[in-house]
Amino acid sequence: MTSTAADLAALHKVRKASVDIVDVPECGYVCIDGIGAPEGSEFASATRALFAINYGAHFIVKKQGGDAPKVMPLEAQ
């Protein structure tokens, strides 16, 4: 099953005073492991790589099917 951006939108919205049970489809993620300060060059390189992969995949999917999920913000821990 292929999910569209509209199908996945409900997974990213929070409603006050509401509890929803959702069926989360299998999703792929790209992760880069590393150590260093956010202002360091390694972090900047990893961020550029993630954006390049994320937007590259987004536009490939959009070109093939016309509907691609929204590019979500990056997360760092």
C-alpha atoms as a PDB file:
ATOM      1  CA  MET A   1       0.000   0.000   0.000  1.00  0.00           C
ATOM      2  CA  THR A   2       1.276   3.442  -0.895  1.00  0.00           C
ATOM      3  CA  SER A   3       0.426   6.259   1.488  1.00  0.00           C
ATOM      4  CA  THR A   4      -0.258   9.757   0.250  1.00  0.00           C
ATOM      5  CA  ALA A   5       0.512  12.984   2.062  1.00  0.00           C
ATOM      6  CA  ALA A   6      -3.171  13.304   2.970  1.00  0.00           C
ATOM      7  CA  ASP A   7      -3.179   9.795   4.467  1.00  0.00           C
ATOM      8  CA  LEU A   8      -0.201  10.610   6.686  1.00  0.00           C
ATOM      9  CA  ALA A   9      -1.334  14.110   7.710  1.00  0.00           C
ATOM     10  CA  ALA A  10      -3.454  12.793  10.599  1.00  0.00           C
ATOM     11  CA  LEU A  11      -0.336  11.212  12.143  1.00  0.00           C
ATOM     12  CA  HIS A  12       1.344  14.607  12.514  1.00  0.00           C
ATOM     13  CA  LYS A  13      -1.518  16.645  13.988  1.00  0.00           C
ATOM     14  CA  VAL A  14      -2.287  17.026  17.668  1.00  0.00           C
ATOM     15  CA  ARG A  15      -5.743  17.955  18.904  1.00  0.00           C
ATOM     16  CA  LYS A  16      -6.387  19.349  22.378  1.00  0.00           C
ATOM     17  CA  ALA A  17      -8.480  17.234  24.751  1.00  0.00           C
ATOM     18  CA  SER A  18      -8.562  14.351  22.314  1.00  0.00           C
ATOM     19  CA  VAL A  19      -7.077  10.893  22.241  1.00  0.00           C
ATOM     20  CA  ASP A  20      -6.956   9.129  18.893  1.00  0.00           C
ATOM     21  CA  ILE A  21      -5.912   5.598  18.131  1.00  0.00           C
ATOM     22  CA  VAL A  22      -4.172   5.519  14.765  1.00  0.00           C
ATOM     23  CA  ASP A  23      -2.827   2.743  12.597  1.00  0.00           C
ATOM     24  CA  VAL A  24       0.677   3.884  11.690  1.00  0.00           C
ATOM     25  CA  PRO A  25       1.943   2.435   8.415  1.00  0.00           C
ATOM     26  CA  GLU A  26       5.500   1.234   8.055  1.00  0.00           C
ATOM     27  CA  CYS A  27       7.671   4.249   7.232  1.00  0.00           C
ATOM     28  CA  GLY A  28      11.274   4.521   6.164  1.00  0.00           C
ATOM     29  CA  TYR A  29      13.735   6.833   7.870  1.00  0.00           C
ATOM     30  CA  VAL A  30      17.269   7.931   7.169  1.00  0.00           C
ATOM     31  CA  CYS A  31      19.531   8.378  10.189  1.00  0.00           C
ATOM     32  CA  ILE A  32      23.076   9.589  10.591  1.00  0.00           C
ATOM     33  CA  ASP A  33      24.887   8.690  13.796  1.00  0.00           C
ATOM     34  CA  GLY A  34      27.510  10.997  15.192  1.00  0.00           C
ATOM     35  CA  ILE A  35      28.894  12.978  18.056  1.00  0.00           C
ATOM     36  CA  GLY A  36      29.534  16.697  18.140  1.00  0.00           C
ATOM     37  CA  ALA A  37      28.192  20.134  18.753  1.00  0.00           C
ATOM     38  CA  PRO A  38      25.361  21.456  16.554  1.00  0.00           C
ATOM     39  CA  GLU A  39      27.602  24.333  15.483  1.00  0.00           C
ATOM     40  CA  GLY A  40      30.367  21.927  14.393  1.00  0.00           C
ATOM     41  CA  SER A  41      31.317  21.062  10.832  1.00  0.00           C
ATOM     42  CA  GLU A  42      30.363  17.370  11.189  1.00  0.00           C
ATOM     43  CA  PHE A  43      26.817  18.308  12.213  1.00  0.00           C
ATOM     44  CA  ALA A  44      26.547  20.747   9.287  1.00  0.00           C
ATOM     45  CA  SER A  45      27.752  18.056   6.849  1.00  0.00           C
ATOM     46  CA  ALA A  46      25.275  15.513   8.232  1.00  0.00           C
ATOM     47  CA  THR A  47      22.432  18.046   7.980  1.00  0.00           C
ATOM     48  CA  ARG A  48      23.285  18.842   4.352  1.00  0.00           C
ATOM     49  CA  ALA A  49      23.392  15.122   3.541  1.00  0.00           C
ATOM     50  CA  LEU A  50      19.994  14.484   5.158  1.00  0.00           C
ATOM     51  CA  PHE A  51      18.396  17.394   3.303  1.00  0.00           C
ATOM     52  CA  ALA A  52      19.892  16.235  -0.012  1.00  0.00           C
ATOM     53  CA  ILE A  53      18.539  12.699   0.484  1.00  0.00           C
ATOM     54  CA  ASN A  54      15.163  13.915   1.776  1.00  0.00           C
ATOM     55  CA  TYR A  55      14.487  16.398  -1.026  1.00  0.00           C
ATOM     56  CA  GLY A  56      15.964  14.084  -3.681  1.00  0.00           C
ATOM     57  CA  ALA A  57      13.609  11.275  -2.662  1.00  0.00           C
ATOM     58  CA  HIS A  58      10.676  13.709  -2.418  1.00  0.00           C
ATOM     59  CA  PHE A  59      11.096  14.946  -5.984  1.00  0.00           C
ATOM     60  CA  ILE A  60      11.672  11.444  -7.391  1.00  0.00           C
ATOM     61  CA  VAL A  61       8.408  10.255  -5.826  1.00  0.00           C
ATOM     62  CA  LYS A  62       6.614  13.409  -6.995  1.00  0.00           C
ATOM     63  CA  LYS A  63       7.890  12.947 -10.562  1.00  0.00           C
ATOM     64  CA  GLN A  64       6.812   9.286 -10.649  1.00  0.00           C
ATOM     65  CA  GLY A  65       3.438   9.599  -8.984  1.00  0.00           C
ATOM     66  CA  GLY A  66       2.528  13.250  -8.787  1.00  0.00           C
ATOM     67  CA  ASP A  67       1.837  13.120  -5.034  1.00  0.00           C
ATOM     68  CA  ALA A  68       4.665  12.996  -2.512  1.00  0.00           C
ATOM     69  CA  PRO A  69       4.533  13.266   1.281  1.00  0.00           C
ATOM     70  CA  LYS A  70       5.524  16.610   2.772  1.00  0.00           C
ATOM     71  CA  VAL A  71       9.202  16.961   3.615  1.00  0.00           C
ATOM     72  CA  MET A  72       9.180  16.911   7.407  1.00  0.00           C
ATOM     73  CA  PRO A  73      11.573  18.941   9.575  1.00  0.00           C
ATOM     74  CA  LEU A  74      14.787  17.284  10.666  1.00  0.00           C
ATOM     75  CA  GLU A  75      15.107  16.051  14.225  1.00  0.00           C
ATOM     76  CA  ALA A  76      18.275  15.839  16.271  1.00  0.00           C
ATOM     77  CA  GLN A  77      18.928  14.261  19.628  1.00  0.00           C
END
